[in-house]
Amino acid sequence: MNWVSPVRRSAVTAANAAPVWMEGKEILTIEGLAKGDKLDPLQEAFIQNDGPQCGFCTSGQIMSGKALLLKNSQPSEAQARRALSGNLCRCGNYNREVAAVLAAAKAR
């Protein structure tokens, strides 16, 4: 699981940050991206670009992409690749995930 700190605009992996350390801090999880029935533009871009495959890394990739877009609304392909590189994708779908982040940036 990844979290994004909207204040710091950085991704935090749950494996590296105990929930107790997040007490009093604002965090954003994959469950909080959608507004009611409306998906976040990045979630839509993942669907349109066939980003989700087996689902092993999808939430982590989306949250890492979201952290990047909060810091840099128009990242380069290299920046998107770097932002997503910390998540293990078991099915090797990195190219489509990077395309989804870039599509979401373009749609802004």
N, C-alpha and C. Protein backbone atom coordinates (compact mmCIF):
# COMPACT_ATOMS: atom_id res chain seq x y z
N MET A 1 0.84 -1.17 0.00
CA MET A 1 0.00 0.00 0.00
C MET A 1 0.89 1.23 0.00
N ASN A 2 0.52 2.20 -0.79
CA ASN A 2 1.21 3.49 -0.79
C ASN A 2 0.25 4.56 -0.33
N TRP A 3 0.81 5.55 0.32
CA TRP A 3 0.05 6.73 0.72
C TRP A 3 0.71 7.92 0.06
N VAL A 4 -0.04 8.97 -0.12
CA VAL A 4 0.53 10.22 -0.58
C VAL A 4 0.24 11.26 0.47
N SER A 5 1.23 12.00 0.84
CA SER A 5 1.05 13.12 1.74
C SER A 5 0.78 14.34 0.88
N PRO A 6 -0.47 14.83 0.82
CA PRO A 6 -0.77 15.99 -0.02
C PRO A 6 0.03 17.23 0.37
N VAL A 7 0.38 17.34 1.63
CA VAL A 7 1.15 18.49 2.07
C VAL A 7 2.58 18.41 1.56
N ARG A 8 3.21 17.25 1.75
CA ARG A 8 4.59 17.06 1.28
C ARG A 8 4.64 16.66 -0.19
N ARG A 9 3.51 16.22 -0.71
CA ARG A 9 3.41 15.76 -2.11
C ARG A 9 4.41 14.66 -2.40
N SER A 10 4.48 13.71 -1.51
CA SER A 10 5.40 12.60 -1.71
C SER A 10 4.73 11.29 -1.35
N ALA A 11 5.15 10.25 -2.05
CA ALA A 11 4.62 8.91 -1.79
C ALA A 11 5.35 8.31 -0.61
N VAL A 12 4.61 7.58 0.19
CA VAL A 12 5.16 6.90 1.35
C VAL A 12 4.66 5.46 1.29
N THR A 13 5.56 4.50 1.31
CA THR A 13 5.12 3.11 1.29
C THR A 13 4.77 2.67 2.70
N ALA A 14 3.72 1.92 2.82
CA ALA A 14 3.26 1.45 4.13
C ALA A 14 4.32 0.60 4.80
N ALA A 15 5.14 -0.09 4.02
CA ALA A 15 6.18 -0.93 4.60
C ALA A 15 7.26 -0.11 5.29
N ASN A 16 7.38 1.15 4.91
CA ASN A 16 8.42 2.00 5.48
C ASN A 16 7.90 3.03 6.48
N ALA A 17 6.62 3.05 6.73
CA ALA A 17 6.05 4.04 7.65
C ALA A 17 4.91 3.41 8.43
N ALA A 18 5.14 3.21 9.70
CA ALA A 18 4.09 2.64 10.54
C ALA A 18 2.92 3.63 10.64
N PRO A 19 1.69 3.14 10.63
CA PRO A 19 0.53 4.03 10.72
C PRO A 19 0.60 4.99 11.91
N VAL A 20 1.17 4.54 13.01
CA VAL A 20 1.26 5.41 14.18
C VAL A 20 2.11 6.65 13.89
N TRP A 21 3.06 6.54 12.97
CA TRP A 21 3.90 7.68 12.60
C TRP A 21 3.10 8.71 11.81
N MET A 22 1.99 8.28 11.22
CA MET A 22 1.18 9.18 10.40
C MET A 22 0.12 9.91 11.22
N GLU A 23 0.04 9.60 12.50
CA GLU A 23 -0.98 10.22 13.35
C GLU A 23 -0.88 11.75 13.26
N GLY A 24 -2.04 12.36 12.98
CA GLY A 24 -2.11 13.82 12.88
C GLY A 24 -1.68 14.37 11.53
N LYS A 25 -1.24 13.51 10.64
CA LYS A 25 -0.81 13.95 9.31
C LYS A 25 -1.90 13.66 8.29
N GLU A 26 -1.99 14.49 7.28
CA GLU A 26 -2.95 14.25 6.22
C GLU A 26 -2.36 13.25 5.23
N ILE A 27 -3.12 12.19 4.94
CA ILE A 27 -2.67 11.20 3.97
C ILE A 27 -3.78 10.95 2.95
N LEU A 28 -3.39 10.52 1.81
CA LEU A 28 -4.32 10.19 0.74
C LEU A 28 -4.03 8.76 0.31
N THR A 29 -5.04 7.92 0.28
CA THR A 29 -4.87 6.54 -0.16
C THR A 29 -5.62 6.34 -1.47
N ILE A 30 -5.42 5.20 -2.08
CA ILE A 30 -6.10 4.88 -3.33
C ILE A 30 -7.61 4.98 -3.18
N GLU A 31 -8.11 4.62 -2.00
CA GLU A 31 -9.55 4.67 -1.76
C GLU A 31 -10.08 6.10 -1.73
N GLY A 32 -9.22 7.06 -1.47
CA GLY A 32 -9.65 8.45 -1.38
C GLY A 32 -9.50 9.26 -2.65
N LEU A 33 -9.03 8.64 -3.72
CA LEU A 33 -8.83 9.40 -4.97
C LEU A 33 -10.15 9.75 -5.65
N ALA A 34 -11.05 8.80 -5.73
CA ALA A 34 -12.33 9.04 -6.41
C ALA A 34 -13.19 9.98 -5.58
N LYS A 35 -13.97 10.78 -6.26
CA LYS A 35 -14.93 11.67 -5.60
C LYS A 35 -16.32 11.12 -5.90
N GLY A 36 -16.85 10.36 -4.94
CA GLY A 36 -18.14 9.70 -5.18
C GLY A 36 -17.97 8.65 -6.26
N ASP A 37 -18.77 8.77 -7.32
CA ASP A 37 -18.69 7.82 -8.43
C ASP A 37 -17.70 8.25 -9.51
N LYS A 38 -17.10 9.42 -9.34
CA LYS A 38 -16.18 9.95 -10.36
C LYS A 38 -14.74 9.59 -10.00
N LEU A 39 -14.12 8.80 -10.86
CA LEU A 39 -12.74 8.41 -10.64
C LEU A 39 -11.82 9.61 -10.85
N ASP A 40 -10.67 9.57 -10.20
CA ASP A 40 -9.62 10.56 -10.41
C ASP A 40 -9.14 10.44 -11.87
N PRO A 41 -8.74 11.54 -12.48
CA PRO A 41 -8.24 11.46 -13.87
C PRO A 41 -7.11 10.45 -14.05
N LEU A 42 -6.29 10.27 -13.04
CA LEU A 42 -5.21 9.28 -13.15
C LEU A 42 -5.77 7.86 -13.16
N GLN A 43 -6.78 7.61 -12.36
CA GLN A 43 -7.43 6.30 -12.38
C GLN A 43 -8.06 6.04 -13.75
N GLU A 44 -8.72 7.06 -14.29
CA GLU A 44 -9.31 6.93 -15.64
C GLU A 44 -8.22 6.65 -16.68
N ALA A 45 -7.10 7.34 -16.57
CA ALA A 45 -6.01 7.15 -17.52
C ALA A 45 -5.44 5.74 -17.42
N PHE A 46 -5.36 5.20 -16.21
CA PHE A 46 -4.88 3.82 -16.07
C PHE A 46 -5.83 2.85 -16.78
N ILE A 47 -7.12 3.08 -16.66
CA ILE A 47 -8.09 2.21 -17.33
C ILE A 47 -7.96 2.35 -18.85
N GLN A 48 -7.92 3.59 -19.33
CA GLN A 48 -7.85 3.84 -20.77
C GLN A 48 -6.56 3.33 -21.40
N ASN A 49 -5.48 3.28 -20.63
CA ASN A 49 -4.19 2.83 -21.16
C ASN A 49 -3.86 1.39 -20.77
N ASP A 50 -4.86 0.65 -20.30
CA ASP A 50 -4.68 -0.75 -19.89
C ASP A 50 -3.57 -0.89 -18.86
N GLY A 51 -3.51 0.05 -17.93
CA GLY A 51 -2.50 0.01 -16.87
C GLY A 51 -2.68 -1.16 -15.93
N PRO A 52 -3.91 -1.40 -15.44
CA PRO A 52 -4.07 -2.52 -14.51
C PRO A 52 -4.05 -3.85 -15.27
N GLN A 53 -3.21 -4.74 -14.85
CA GLN A 53 -3.21 -6.08 -15.44
C GLN A 53 -3.53 -7.08 -14.33
N CYS A 54 -2.53 -7.55 -13.64
CA CYS A 54 -2.79 -8.55 -12.59
C CYS A 54 -3.27 -7.88 -11.29
N GLY A 55 -3.02 -6.59 -11.12
CA GLY A 55 -3.47 -5.87 -9.94
C GLY A 55 -2.47 -5.83 -8.80
N PHE A 56 -1.36 -6.55 -8.92
CA PHE A 56 -0.37 -6.62 -7.85
C PHE A 56 0.17 -5.23 -7.50
N CYS A 57 0.45 -4.41 -8.49
CA CYS A 57 1.10 -3.12 -8.24
C CYS A 57 0.19 -1.92 -8.51
N THR A 58 -1.00 -2.14 -8.97
CA THR A 58 -1.84 -1.04 -9.47
C THR A 58 -2.01 0.09 -8.48
N SER A 59 -2.39 -0.20 -7.26
CA SER A 59 -2.61 0.90 -6.31
C SER A 59 -1.32 1.65 -6.02
N GLY A 60 -0.22 0.93 -5.89
CA GLY A 60 1.07 1.59 -5.65
C GLY A 60 1.51 2.44 -6.82
N GLN A 61 1.29 1.94 -8.04
CA GLN A 61 1.67 2.71 -9.23
C GLN A 61 0.81 3.97 -9.35
N ILE A 62 -0.47 3.84 -9.10
CA ILE A 62 -1.35 5.01 -9.18
C ILE A 62 -0.95 6.05 -8.13
N MET A 63 -0.70 5.61 -6.92
CA MET A 63 -0.35 6.57 -5.87
C MET A 63 1.02 7.20 -6.11
N SER A 64 1.95 6.45 -6.66
CA SER A 64 3.25 7.03 -7.02
C SER A 64 3.09 8.04 -8.14
N GLY A 65 2.23 7.69 -9.11
CA GLY A 65 1.94 8.64 -10.19
C GLY A 65 1.25 9.89 -9.68
N LYS A 66 0.35 9.72 -8.73
CA LYS A 66 -0.36 10.87 -8.14
C LYS A 66 0.62 11.79 -7.40
N ALA A 67 1.55 11.20 -6.64
CA ALA A 67 2.56 12.00 -5.94
C ALA A 67 3.39 12.80 -6.95
N LEU A 68 3.76 12.16 -8.05
CA LEU A 68 4.52 12.86 -9.09
C LEU A 68 3.72 14.02 -9.65
N LEU A 69 2.46 13.77 -10.00
CA LEU A 69 1.63 14.81 -10.61
C LEU A 69 1.33 15.95 -9.63
N LEU A 70 1.31 15.68 -8.35
CA LEU A 70 1.14 16.75 -7.38
C LEU A 70 2.38 17.64 -7.32
N LYS A 71 3.55 17.06 -7.56
CA LYS A 71 4.80 17.82 -7.56
C LYS A 71 5.06 18.48 -8.91
N ASN A 72 4.73 17.77 -9.97
CA ASN A 72 5.08 18.20 -11.33
C ASN A 72 3.90 17.85 -12.24
N SER A 73 3.13 18.85 -12.62
CA SER A 73 1.91 18.58 -13.39
C SER A 73 2.18 18.16 -14.84
N GLN A 74 3.38 18.37 -15.33
CA GLN A 74 3.73 17.98 -16.70
C GLN A 74 5.07 17.25 -16.72
N PRO A 75 5.14 16.05 -16.15
CA PRO A 75 6.42 15.34 -16.10
C PRO A 75 6.83 14.80 -17.46
N SER A 76 8.12 14.61 -17.60
CA SER A 76 8.65 13.95 -18.80
C SER A 76 8.47 12.44 -18.64
N GLU A 77 8.69 11.72 -19.72
CA GLU A 77 8.60 10.26 -19.65
C GLU A 77 9.62 9.73 -18.66
N ALA A 78 10.83 10.27 -18.69
CA ALA A 78 11.88 9.82 -17.76
C ALA A 78 11.47 10.06 -16.31
N GLN A 79 10.85 11.19 -16.03
CA GLN A 79 10.40 11.48 -14.67
C GLN A 79 9.30 10.52 -14.24
N ALA A 80 8.39 10.21 -15.15
CA ALA A 80 7.33 9.26 -14.83
C ALA A 80 7.91 7.88 -14.56
N ARG A 81 8.85 7.46 -15.38
CA ARG A 81 9.48 6.15 -15.17
C ARG A 81 10.18 6.10 -13.81
N ARG A 82 10.89 7.16 -13.48
CA ARG A 82 11.59 7.21 -12.20
C ARG A 82 10.60 7.14 -11.03
N ALA A 83 9.49 7.86 -11.16
CA ALA A 83 8.49 7.89 -10.08
C ALA A 83 7.85 6.52 -9.85
N LEU A 84 7.67 5.76 -10.91
CA LEU A 84 7.03 4.45 -10.80
C LEU A 84 8.02 3.32 -10.52
N SER A 85 9.30 3.61 -10.61
CA SER A 85 10.31 2.56 -10.51
C SER A 85 10.41 1.90 -9.14
N GLY A 86 9.87 2.50 -8.11
CA GLY A 86 9.95 1.91 -6.78
C GLY A 86 8.92 0.83 -6.51
N ASN A 87 8.04 0.59 -7.45
CA ASN A 87 6.99 -0.43 -7.30
C ASN A 87 7.29 -1.63 -8.19
N LEU A 88 7.24 -2.79 -7.60
CA LEU A 88 7.47 -4.02 -8.37
C LEU A 88 6.21 -4.37 -9.15
N CYS A 89 6.34 -4.45 -10.46
CA CYS A 89 5.24 -4.85 -11.34
C CYS A 89 5.54 -6.27 -11.79
N ARG A 90 4.73 -7.20 -11.32
CA ARG A 90 4.99 -8.62 -11.61
C ARG A 90 4.74 -8.99 -13.06
N CYS A 91 3.85 -8.26 -13.74
CA CYS A 91 3.54 -8.64 -15.12
C CYS A 91 4.29 -7.77 -16.14
N GLY A 92 5.13 -6.85 -15.68
CA GLY A 92 5.95 -6.06 -16.60
C GLY A 92 5.17 -5.07 -17.42
N ASN A 93 4.19 -4.45 -16.83
CA ASN A 93 3.31 -3.53 -17.55
C ASN A 93 3.76 -2.07 -17.43
N TYR A 94 5.03 -1.85 -17.14
CA TYR A 94 5.53 -0.50 -16.87
C TYR A 94 5.23 0.50 -17.98
N ASN A 95 5.39 0.09 -19.23
CA ASN A 95 5.19 1.04 -20.33
C ASN A 95 3.77 1.61 -20.35
N ARG A 96 2.79 0.77 -20.10
CA ARG A 96 1.40 1.24 -20.10
C ARG A 96 1.11 2.10 -18.87
N GLU A 97 1.76 1.77 -17.76
CA GLU A 97 1.57 2.57 -16.54
C GLU A 97 2.18 3.96 -16.72
N VAL A 98 3.34 4.02 -17.33
CA VAL A 98 3.98 5.31 -17.62
C VAL A 98 3.11 6.10 -18.59
N ALA A 99 2.59 5.43 -19.61
CA ALA A 99 1.70 6.10 -20.57
C ALA A 99 0.47 6.67 -19.87
N ALA A 100 -0.04 5.96 -18.88
CA ALA A 100 -1.22 6.43 -18.14
C ALA A 100 -0.90 7.70 -17.36
N VAL A 101 0.24 7.75 -16.71
CA VAL A 101 0.64 8.95 -15.96
C VAL A 101 0.79 10.12 -16.92
N LEU A 102 1.41 9.91 -18.06
CA LEU A 102 1.60 10.98 -19.03
C LEU A 102 0.27 11.43 -19.63
N ALA A 103 -0.66 10.49 -19.85
CA ALA A 103 -1.98 10.84 -20.36
C ALA A 103 -2.76 11.67 -19.34
N ALA A 104 -2.66 11.30 -18.06
CA ALA A 104 -3.34 12.06 -17.02
C ALA A 104 -2.77 13.48 -16.93
N ALA A 105 -1.47 13.61 -17.11
CA ALA A 105 -0.84 14.93 -17.07
C ALA A 105 -1.33 15.78 -18.25
N LYS A 106 -1.43 15.16 -19.39
CA LYS A 106 -1.89 15.87 -20.59
C LYS A 106 -3.34 16.30 -20.47
N ALA A 107 -4.15 15.49 -19.78
CA ALA A 107 -5.58 15.77 -19.63
C ALA A 107 -5.87 16.91 -18.65
N ARG A 108 -4.89 17.29 -17.86
CA ARG A 108 -5.09 18.35 -16.85
C ARG A 108 -5.34 19.68 -17.49
